[in-house]
Amino acid sequence: MSMKYRGLLRLTKRGPSNEDGWKFQLQYQGTMGEHTLDEALEKWAKRWGARATTTQTGV
């Protein structure tokens, strides 16, 4: 899931799209390097209550 839609980046511009199949062109901004991927996922999970998942390795 793209985290930009869940509050890690801010939507700064929304306008009509000139590409087929897309209604809008969206532009997002946010500070780069503000957090690591693990920190971003933790922030996202706290805000949106990410479900815990498990994977089977077959070992």
C-alpha atoms as a PDB file:
ATOM      1  CA  MET A   1       0.000   0.000   0.000  1.00  0.00           C
ATOM      2  CA  SER A   2       1.305   3.406  -0.874  1.00  0.00           C
ATOM      3  CA  MET A   3       1.968   5.374   2.294  1.00  0.00           C
ATOM      4  CA  LYS A   4       1.664   8.741   0.576  1.00  0.00           C
ATOM      5  CA  TYR A   5      -2.092   8.289   0.688  1.00  0.00           C
ATOM      6  CA  ARG A   6      -1.995   7.603   4.414  1.00  0.00           C
ATOM      7  CA  GLY A   7      -0.494  10.745   5.861  1.00  0.00           C
ATOM      8  CA  LEU A   8       3.267  10.441   5.434  1.00  0.00           C
ATOM      9  CA  LEU A   9       3.277  12.962   2.576  1.00  0.00           C
ATOM     10  CA  ARG A  10       1.042  15.991   2.028  1.00  0.00           C
ATOM     11  CA  LEU A  11      -1.131  16.436  -1.060  1.00  0.00           C
ATOM     12  CA  THR A  12      -0.133  19.844  -2.430  1.00  0.00           C
ATOM     13  CA  LYS A  13      -1.834  19.930  -5.826  1.00  0.00           C
ATOM     14  CA  ARG A  14      -4.693  18.144  -7.541  1.00  0.00           C
ATOM     15  CA  GLY A  15      -5.567  18.905 -11.124  1.00  0.00           C
ATOM     16  CA  PRO A  16      -6.955  17.268 -14.233  1.00  0.00           C
ATOM     17  CA  SER A  17      -4.810  14.532 -15.739  1.00  0.00           C
ATOM     18  CA  ASN A  18      -3.666  14.513 -19.342  1.00  0.00           C
ATOM     19  CA  GLU A  19      -3.073  10.740 -19.237  1.00  0.00           C
ATOM     20  CA  ASP A  20      -5.643   8.204 -20.418  1.00  0.00           C
ATOM     21  CA  GLY A  21      -7.282   6.280 -17.597  1.00  0.00           C
ATOM     22  CA  TRP A  22      -6.545   8.838 -14.877  1.00  0.00           C
ATOM     23  CA  LYS A  23      -8.993  11.524 -13.827  1.00  0.00           C
ATOM     24  CA  PHE A  24      -6.605  13.593 -11.702  1.00  0.00           C
ATOM     25  CA  GLN A  25      -2.904  14.331 -11.469  1.00  0.00           C
ATOM     26  CA  LEU A  26      -1.829  14.476  -7.825  1.00  0.00           C
ATOM     27  CA  GLN A  27       1.352  16.028  -6.448  1.00  0.00           C
ATOM     28  CA  TYR A  28       2.661  15.228  -2.974  1.00  0.00           C
ATOM     29  CA  GLN A  29       5.392  16.800  -0.859  1.00  0.00           C
ATOM     30  CA  GLY A  30       7.199  15.716   2.241  1.00  0.00           C
ATOM     31  CA  THR A  31      10.586  15.895   3.859  1.00  0.00           C
ATOM     32  CA  MET A  32      12.940  13.307   2.424  1.00  0.00           C
ATOM     33  CA  GLY A  33      15.218  11.522   4.862  1.00  0.00           C
ATOM     34  CA  GLU A  34      12.990  12.427   7.802  1.00  0.00           C
ATOM     35  CA  HIS A  35      12.708   8.788   8.831  1.00  0.00           C
ATOM     36  CA  THR A  36      13.889   5.332   7.858  1.00  0.00           C
ATOM     37  CA  LEU A  37      11.540   2.877   6.166  1.00  0.00           C
ATOM     38  CA  ASP A  38      11.051   1.056   9.489  1.00  0.00           C
ATOM     39  CA  GLU A  39      10.195   4.327  11.247  1.00  0.00           C
ATOM     40  CA  ALA A  40       7.774   5.281   8.463  1.00  0.00           C
ATOM     41  CA  LEU A  41       6.032   1.919   8.690  1.00  0.00           C
ATOM     42  CA  GLU A  42       5.801   2.248  12.474  1.00  0.00           C
ATOM     43  CA  LYS A  43       4.304   5.747  12.141  1.00  0.00           C
ATOM     44  CA  TRP A  44       1.835   4.496   9.540  1.00  0.00           C
ATOM     45  CA  ALA A  45       0.887   1.470  11.673  1.00  0.00           C
ATOM     46  CA  LYS A  46       0.255   3.642  14.753  1.00  0.00           C
ATOM     47  CA  ARG A  47      -2.022   5.939  12.807  1.00  0.00           C
ATOM     48  CA  TRP A  48      -3.874   3.398  10.693  1.00  0.00           C
ATOM     49  CA  GLY A  49      -3.687   0.238  12.816  1.00  0.00           C
ATOM     50  CA  ALA A  50      -1.861  -1.969  10.343  1.00  0.00           C
ATOM     51  CA  ARG A  51      -2.753  -5.608  10.660  1.00  0.00           C
ATOM     52  CA  ALA A  52      -0.045  -8.006  11.742  1.00  0.00           C
ATOM     53  CA  THR A  53       0.858 -10.461   9.030  1.00  0.00           C
ATOM     54  CA  THR A  54       2.822 -13.662   9.128  1.00  0.00           C
ATOM     55  CA  THR A  55       4.571 -15.460   6.333  1.00  0.00           C
ATOM     56  CA  GLN A  56       5.433 -19.085   5.994  1.00  0.00           C
ATOM     57  CA  THR A  57       8.970 -19.813   4.938  1.00  0.00           C
ATOM     58  CA  GLY A  58       8.462 -23.525   4.450  1.00  0.00           C
ATOM     59  CA  VAL A  59      11.299 -24.356   6.834  1.00  0.00           C
END
